[in-house]
Amino acid sequence: MITVKTFVTAWITGNSVADVATTVGLTSAATSARATLLRKAGVNLPKFRRGKATPAEVDVTGLNDLIAQNLEG
């Protein structure tokens, strides 16, 4: 059993629920549930963004150039 302090430290240094789950040795579902319970108790635990890369994080021009180079050959 991990302490709340260890869990919160893993949460604020992690990059995703899956990352935290691996660090603390829980499933992603259990990790998410624990974070929810802590928030309901008043802990200001930040939420991770859901989903994949946003358009702002995707190098559209670079990817299109890569596709064009591979289609030409």
PDB file of N, CA and C in Angstrom:
ATOM      1  N   MET A   1       0.843  -1.185   0.000  1.00  0.00           N
ATOM      2  CA  MET A   1       0.000   0.000   0.000  1.00  0.00           C
ATOM      3  C   MET A   1       0.886   1.244   0.000  1.00  0.00           C
ATOM      4  N   ILE A   2       0.617   2.123  -0.936  1.00  0.00           N
ATOM      5  CA  ILE A   2       1.409   3.348  -1.024  1.00  0.00           C
ATOM      6  C   ILE A   2       0.763   4.442  -0.178  1.00  0.00           C
ATOM      7  N   THR A   3       1.581   5.367   0.260  1.00  0.00           N
ATOM      8  CA  THR A   3       1.042   6.481   1.050  1.00  0.00           C
ATOM      9  C   THR A   3       0.425   7.515   0.120  1.00  0.00           C
ATOM     10  N   VAL A   4      -0.430   8.352   0.703  1.00  0.00           N
ATOM     11  CA  VAL A   4      -1.045   9.421  -0.070  1.00  0.00           C
ATOM     12  C   VAL A   4       0.031  10.377  -0.566  1.00  0.00           C
ATOM     13  N   LYS A   5       1.016  10.647   0.269  1.00  0.00           N
ATOM     14  CA  LYS A   5       2.088  11.555  -0.128  1.00  0.00           C
ATOM     15  C   LYS A   5       2.855  10.995  -1.323  1.00  0.00           C
ATOM     16  N   THR A   6       3.140   9.700  -1.330  1.00  0.00           N
ATOM     17  CA  THR A   6       3.832   9.063  -2.453  1.00  0.00           C
ATOM     18  C   THR A   6       2.972   9.138  -3.711  1.00  0.00           C
ATOM     19  N   PHE A   7       1.671   8.889  -3.550  1.00  0.00           N
ATOM     20  CA  PHE A   7       0.762   8.945  -4.691  1.00  0.00           C
ATOM     21  C   PHE A   7       0.733  10.347  -5.294  1.00  0.00           C
ATOM     22  N   VAL A   8       0.583  11.364  -4.441  1.00  0.00           N
ATOM     23  CA  VAL A   8       0.503  12.740  -4.925  1.00  0.00           C
ATOM     24  C   VAL A   8       1.814  13.148  -5.593  1.00  0.00           C
ATOM     25  N   THR A   9       2.927  12.738  -5.026  1.00  0.00           N
ATOM     26  CA  THR A   9       4.230  13.053  -5.632  1.00  0.00           C
ATOM     27  C   THR A   9       4.334  12.416  -7.018  1.00  0.00           C
ATOM     28  N   ALA A  10       3.916  11.158  -7.136  1.00  0.00           N
ATOM     29  CA  ALA A  10       3.938  10.482  -8.439  1.00  0.00           C
ATOM     30  C   ALA A  10       3.005  11.189  -9.414  1.00  0.00           C
ATOM     31  N   TRP A  11       1.858  11.646  -8.923  1.00  0.00           N
ATOM     32  CA  TRP A  11       0.876  12.309  -9.779  1.00  0.00           C
ATOM     33  C   TRP A  11       1.421  13.616 -10.339  1.00  0.00           C
ATOM     34  N   ILE A  12       2.011  14.433  -9.470  1.00  0.00           N
ATOM     35  CA  ILE A  12       2.448  15.752  -9.941  1.00  0.00           C
ATOM     36  C   ILE A  12       3.732  15.684 -10.765  1.00  0.00           C
ATOM     37  N   THR A  13       4.442  14.565 -10.706  1.00  0.00           N
ATOM     38  CA  THR A  13       5.641  14.419 -11.530  1.00  0.00           C
ATOM     39  C   THR A  13       5.394  13.543 -12.755  1.00  0.00           C
ATOM     40  N   GLY A  14       4.223  12.908 -12.825  1.00  0.00           N
ATOM     41  CA  GLY A  14       3.908  12.026 -13.945  1.00  0.00           C
ATOM     42  C   GLY A  14       3.383  12.791 -15.145  1.00  0.00           C
ATOM     43  N   ASN A  15       3.300  12.080 -16.266  1.00  0.00           N
ATOM     44  CA  ASN A  15       2.830  12.672 -17.514  1.00  0.00           C
ATOM     45  C   ASN A  15       1.434  12.217 -17.915  1.00  0.00           C
ATOM     46  N   SER A  16       0.967  11.144 -17.281  1.00  0.00           N
ATOM     47  CA  SER A  16      -0.345  10.603 -17.607  1.00  0.00           C
ATOM     48  C   SER A  16      -0.791   9.680 -16.489  1.00  0.00           C
ATOM     49  N   VAL A  17      -2.063   9.296 -16.518  1.00  0.00           N
ATOM     50  CA  VAL A  17      -2.570   8.342 -15.535  1.00  0.00           C
ATOM     51  C   VAL A  17      -1.801   7.025 -15.651  1.00  0.00           C
ATOM     52  N   ALA A  18      -1.548   6.579 -16.877  1.00  0.00           N
ATOM     53  CA  ALA A  18      -0.811   5.329 -17.079  1.00  0.00           C
ATOM     54  C   ALA A  18       0.602   5.422 -16.509  1.00  0.00           C
ATOM     55  N   ASP A  19       1.234   6.557 -16.670  1.00  0.00           N
ATOM     56  CA  ASP A  19       2.574   6.775 -16.136  1.00  0.00           C
ATOM     57  C   ASP A  19       2.565   6.689 -14.609  1.00  0.00           C
ATOM     58  N   VAL A  20       1.601   7.341 -13.984  1.00  0.00           N
ATOM     59  CA  VAL A  20       1.483   7.306 -12.527  1.00  0.00           C
ATOM     60  C   VAL A  20       1.178   5.883 -12.067  1.00  0.00           C
ATOM     61  N   ALA A  21       0.283   5.206 -12.770  1.00  0.00           N
ATOM     62  CA  ALA A  21      -0.085   3.834 -12.408  1.00  0.00           C
ATOM     63  C   ALA A  21       1.139   2.921 -12.398  1.00  0.00           C
ATOM     64  N   THR A  22       1.983   3.060 -13.395  1.00  0.00           N
ATOM     65  CA  THR A  22       3.202   2.265 -13.450  1.00  0.00           C
ATOM     66  C   THR A  22       4.110   2.594 -12.272  1.00  0.00           C
ATOM     67  N   THR A  23       4.227   3.862 -11.957  1.00  0.00           N
ATOM     68  CA  THR A  23       5.095   4.303 -10.867  1.00  0.00           C
ATOM     69  C   THR A  23       4.637   3.774  -9.516  1.00  0.00           C
ATOM     70  N   VAL A  24       3.328   3.821  -9.270  1.00  0.00           N
ATOM     71  CA  VAL A  24       2.815   3.430  -7.951  1.00  0.00           C
ATOM     72  C   VAL A  24       2.378   1.967  -7.874  1.00  0.00           C
ATOM     73  N   GLY A  25       2.373   1.277  -9.008  1.00  0.00           N
ATOM     74  CA  GLY A  25       2.039  -0.147  -9.004  1.00  0.00           C
ATOM     75  C   GLY A  25       0.560  -0.451  -8.937  1.00  0.00           C
ATOM     76  N   LEU A  26      -0.260   0.427  -9.491  1.00  0.00           N
ATOM     77  CA  LEU A  26      -1.706   0.204  -9.549  1.00  0.00           C
ATOM     78  C   LEU A  26      -2.142   0.130 -11.007  1.00  0.00           C
ATOM     79  N   THR A  27      -3.377  -0.272 -11.218  1.00  0.00           N
ATOM     80  CA  THR A  27      -3.930  -0.209 -12.565  1.00  0.00           C
ATOM     81  C   THR A  27      -4.279   1.243 -12.870  1.00  0.00           C
ATOM     82  N   SER A  28      -4.466   1.540 -14.138  1.00  0.00           N
ATOM     83  CA  SER A  28      -4.865   2.892 -14.517  1.00  0.00           C
ATOM     84  C   SER A  28      -6.214   3.252 -13.913  1.00  0.00           C
ATOM     85  N   ALA A  29      -7.130   2.289 -13.879  1.00  0.00           N
ATOM     86  CA  ALA A  29      -8.460   2.540 -13.311  1.00  0.00           C
ATOM     87  C   ALA A  29      -8.371   2.854 -11.823  1.00  0.00           C
ATOM     88  N   ALA A  30      -7.575   2.088 -11.087  1.00  0.00           N
ATOM     89  CA  ALA A  30      -7.412   2.326  -9.654  1.00  0.00           C
ATOM     90  C   ALA A  30      -6.717   3.658  -9.396  1.00  0.00           C
ATOM     91  N   THR A  31      -5.759   3.996 -10.233  1.00  0.00           N
ATOM     92  CA  THR A  31      -5.039   5.269 -10.098  1.00  0.00           C
ATOM     93  C   THR A  31      -5.988   6.431 -10.322  1.00  0.00           C
ATOM     94  N   SER A  32      -6.799   6.352 -11.358  1.00  0.00           N
ATOM     95  CA  SER A  32      -7.768   7.403 -11.653  1.00  0.00           C
ATOM     96  C   SER A  32      -8.789   7.527 -10.527  1.00  0.00           C
ATOM     97  N   ALA A  33      -9.252   6.396 -10.010  1.00  0.00           N
ATOM     98  CA  ALA A  33     -10.230   6.408  -8.919  1.00  0.00           C
ATOM     99  C   ALA A  33      -9.642   7.041  -7.663  1.00  0.00           C
ATOM    100  N   ARG A  34      -8.396   6.722  -7.370  1.00  0.00           N
ATOM    101  CA  ARG A  34      -7.753   7.308  -6.193  1.00  0.00           C
ATOM    102  C   ARG A  34      -7.609   8.824  -6.355  1.00  0.00           C
ATOM    103  N   ALA A  35      -7.251   9.266  -7.540  1.00  0.00           N
ATOM    104  CA  ALA A  35      -7.131  10.700  -7.797  1.00  0.00           C
ATOM    105  C   ALA A  35      -8.489  11.385  -7.617  1.00  0.00           C
ATOM    106  N   THR A  36      -9.541  10.766  -8.093  1.00  0.00           N
ATOM    107  CA  THR A  36     -10.891  11.318  -7.948  1.00  0.00           C
ATOM    108  C   THR A  36     -11.276  11.432  -6.481  1.00  0.00           C
ATOM    109  N   LEU A  37     -10.993  10.403  -5.701  1.00  0.00           N
ATOM    110  CA  LEU A  37     -11.309  10.439  -4.265  1.00  0.00           C
ATOM    111  C   LEU A  37     -10.539  11.546  -3.554  1.00  0.00           C
ATOM    112  N   LEU A  38      -9.284  11.726  -3.921  1.00  0.00           N
ATOM    113  CA  LEU A  38      -8.482  12.778  -3.307  1.00  0.00           C
ATOM    114  C   LEU A  38      -9.040  14.157  -3.662  1.00  0.00           C
ATOM    115  N   ARG A  39      -9.464  14.330  -4.920  1.00  0.00           N
ATOM    116  CA  ARG A  39     -10.056  15.614  -5.330  1.00  0.00           C
ATOM    117  C   ARG A  39     -11.345  15.884  -4.545  1.00  0.00           C
ATOM    118  N   LYS A  40     -12.176  14.835  -4.396  1.00  0.00           N
ATOM    119  CA  LYS A  40     -13.433  14.989  -3.645  1.00  0.00           C
ATOM    120  C   LYS A  40     -13.176  15.323  -2.189  1.00  0.00           C
ATOM    121  N   ALA A  41     -12.023  14.895  -1.666  1.00  0.00           N
ATOM    122  CA  ALA A  41     -11.653  15.197  -0.286  1.00  0.00           C
ATOM    123  C   ALA A  41     -11.080  16.607  -0.149  1.00  0.00           C
ATOM    124  N   GLY A  42     -10.867  17.280  -1.276  1.00  0.00           N
ATOM    125  CA  GLY A  42     -10.377  18.653  -1.248  1.00  0.00           C
ATOM    126  C   GLY A  42      -8.941  18.842  -1.684  1.00  0.00           C
ATOM    127  N   VAL A  43      -8.257  17.764  -2.080  1.00  0.00           N
ATOM    128  CA  VAL A  43      -6.874  17.877  -2.557  1.00  0.00           C
ATOM    129  C   VAL A  43      -6.893  18.475  -3.963  1.00  0.00           C
ATOM    130  N   ASN A  44      -6.100  19.492  -4.188  1.00  0.00           N
ATOM    131  CA  ASN A  44      -6.071  20.183  -5.485  1.00  0.00           C
ATOM    132  C   ASN A  44      -5.187  19.457  -6.491  1.00  0.00           C
ATOM    133  N   LEU A  45      -5.510  18.221  -6.756  1.00  0.00           N
ATOM    134  CA  LEU A  45      -4.750  17.399  -7.691  1.00  0.00           C
ATOM    135  C   LEU A  45      -5.102  17.805  -9.116  1.00  0.00           C
ATOM    136  N   PRO A  46      -4.121  18.202  -9.935  1.00  0.00           N
ATOM    137  CA  PRO A  46      -4.435  18.613 -11.306  1.00  0.00           C
ATOM    138  C   PRO A  46      -4.910  17.427 -12.140  1.00  0.00           C
ATOM    139  N   LYS A  47      -5.681  17.725 -13.165  1.00  0.00           N
ATOM    140  CA  LYS A  47      -6.153  16.684 -14.082  1.00  0.00           C
ATOM    141  C   LYS A  47      -5.206  16.609 -15.273  1.00  0.00           C
ATOM    142  N   PHE A  48      -4.998  15.396 -15.759  1.00  0.00           N
ATOM    143  CA  PHE A  48      -4.222  15.217 -16.974  1.00  0.00           C
ATOM    144  C   PHE A  48      -5.132  15.484 -18.157  1.00  0.00           C
ATOM    145  N   ARG A  49      -4.552  16.012 -19.239  1.00  0.00           N
ATOM    146  CA  ARG A  49      -5.328  16.209 -20.465  1.00  0.00           C
ATOM    147  C   ARG A  49      -5.714  14.862 -21.033  1.00  0.00           C
ATOM    148  N   ARG A  50      -6.902  14.802 -21.583  1.00  0.00           N
ATOM    149  CA  ARG A  50      -7.361  13.560 -22.202  1.00  0.00           C
ATOM    150  C   ARG A  50      -6.990  13.545 -23.675  1.00  0.00           C
ATOM    151  N   GLY A  51      -6.890  12.375 -24.217  1.00  0.00           N
ATOM    152  CA  GLY A  51      -6.716  12.231 -25.653  1.00  0.00           C
ATOM    153  C   GLY A  51      -5.277  12.291 -26.127  1.00  0.00           C
ATOM    154  N   LYS A  52      -5.174  12.363 -27.391  1.00  0.00           N
ATOM    155  CA  LYS A  52      -3.877  12.364 -28.064  1.00  0.00           C
ATOM    156  C   LYS A  52      -3.393  13.784 -28.305  1.00  0.00           C
ATOM    157  N   ALA A  53      -2.358  13.899 -29.100  1.00  0.00           N
ATOM    158  CA  ALA A  53      -1.760  15.204 -29.396  1.00  0.00           C
ATOM    159  C   ALA A  53      -2.790  16.142 -30.035  1.00  0.00           C
ATOM    160  N   THR A  54      -2.741  17.376 -29.628  1.00  0.00           N
ATOM    161  CA  THR A  54      -3.636  18.373 -30.207  1.00  0.00           C
ATOM    162  C   THR A  54      -3.017  18.891 -31.501  1.00  0.00           C
ATOM    163  N   PRO A  55      -3.808  19.491 -32.363  1.00  0.00           N
ATOM    164  CA  PRO A  55      -3.263  20.016 -33.618  1.00  0.00           C
ATOM    165  C   PRO A  55      -2.075  20.953 -33.416  1.00  0.00           C
ATOM    166  N   ALA A  56      -2.056  21.708 -32.324  1.00  0.00           N
ATOM    167  CA  ALA A  56      -0.948  22.627 -32.080  1.00  0.00           C
ATOM    168  C   ALA A  56       0.363  21.874 -31.826  1.00  0.00           C
ATOM    169  N   GLU A  57       0.266  20.624 -31.384  1.00  0.00           N
ATOM    170  CA  GLU A  57       1.455  19.833 -31.076  1.00  0.00           C
ATOM    171  C   GLU A  57       1.933  19.006 -32.263  1.00  0.00           C
ATOM    172  N   VAL A  58       1.193  19.017 -33.354  1.00  0.00           N
ATOM    173  CA  VAL A  58       1.524  18.219 -34.527  1.00  0.00           C
ATOM    174  C   VAL A  58       2.209  19.103 -35.563  1.00  0.00           C
ATOM    175  N   ASP A  59       3.333  18.656 -36.050  1.00  0.00           N
ATOM    176  CA  ASP A  59       4.068  19.379 -37.089  1.00  0.00           C
ATOM    177  C   ASP A  59       3.466  18.997 -38.435  1.00  0.00           C
ATOM    178  N   VAL A  60       2.380  19.657 -38.799  1.00  0.00           N
ATOM    179  CA  VAL A  60       1.633  19.319 -40.006  1.00  0.00           C
ATOM    180  C   VAL A  60       2.502  19.467 -41.243  1.00  0.00           C
ATOM    181  N   THR A  61       3.214  20.561 -41.352  1.00  0.00           N
ATOM    182  CA  THR A  61       4.056  20.794 -42.526  1.00  0.00           C
ATOM    183  C   THR A  61       5.127  19.722 -42.638  1.00  0.00           C
ATOM    184  N   GLY A  62       5.784  19.418 -41.543  1.00  0.00           N
ATOM    185  CA  GLY A  62       6.829  18.390 -41.554  1.00  0.00           C
ATOM    186  C   GLY A  62       6.287  17.021 -41.923  1.00  0.00           C
ATOM    187  N   LEU A  63       5.105  16.686 -41.409  1.00  0.00           N
ATOM    188  CA  LEU A  63       4.502  15.391 -41.734  1.00  0.00           C
ATOM    189  C   LEU A  63       4.076  15.326 -43.193  1.00  0.00           C
ATOM    190  N   ASN A  64       3.528  16.413 -43.705  1.00  0.00           N
ATOM    191  CA  ASN A  64       3.142  16.436 -45.119  1.00  0.00           C
ATOM    192  C   ASN A  64       4.359  16.337 -46.030  1.00  0.00           C
ATOM    193  N   ASP A  65       5.467  16.993 -45.647  1.00  0.00           N
ATOM    194  CA  ASP A  65       6.710  16.869 -46.409  1.00  0.00           C
ATOM    195  C   ASP A  65       7.201  15.422 -46.408  1.00  0.00           C
ATOM    196  N   LEU A  66       7.126  14.775 -45.261  1.00  0.00           N
ATOM    197  CA  LEU A  66       7.546  13.374 -45.154  1.00  0.00           C
ATOM    198  C   LEU A  66       6.713  12.485 -46.070  1.00  0.00           C
ATOM    199  N   ILE A  67       5.410  12.712 -46.070  1.00  0.00           N
ATOM    200  CA  ILE A  67       4.511  11.933 -46.934  1.00  0.00           C
ATOM    201  C   ILE A  67       4.837  12.182 -48.396  1.00  0.00           C
ATOM    202  N   ALA A  68       5.021  13.439 -48.775  1.00  0.00           N
ATOM    203  CA  ALA A  68       5.318  13.774 -50.156  1.00  0.00           C
ATOM    204  C   ALA A  68       6.631  13.130 -50.611  1.00  0.00           C
ATOM    205  N   GLN A  69       7.642  13.143 -49.756  1.00  0.00           N
ATOM    206  CA  GLN A  69       8.949  12.540 -50.103  1.00  0.00           C
ATOM    207  C   GLN A  69       8.806  11.052 -50.336  1.00  0.00           C
ATOM    208  N   ASN A  70       8.003  10.392 -49.536  1.00  0.00           N
ATOM    209  CA  ASN A  70       7.853   8.945 -49.663  1.00  0.00           C
ATOM    210  C   ASN A  70       6.951   8.553 -50.826  1.00  0.00           C
ATOM    211  N   LEU A  71       6.040   9.422 -51.204  1.00  0.00           N
ATOM    212  CA  LEU A  71       5.174   9.120 -52.331  1.00  0.00           C
ATOM    213  C   LEU A  71       5.874   9.358 -53.676  1.00  0.00           C
ATOM    214  N   GLU A  72       6.863  10.258 -53.687  1.00  0.00           N
ATOM    215  CA  GLU A  72       7.584  10.566 -54.918  1.00  0.00           C
ATOM    216  C   GLU A  72       8.493   9.414 -55.324  1.00  0.00           C
ATOM    217  N   GLY A  73       9.040   8.716 -54.361  1.00  0.00           N
ATOM    218  CA  GLY A  73      10.021   7.663 -54.651  1.00  0.00           C
ATOM    219  C   GLY A  73       9.386   6.401 -54.976  1.00  0.00           C
TER     220      GLY A  73
END
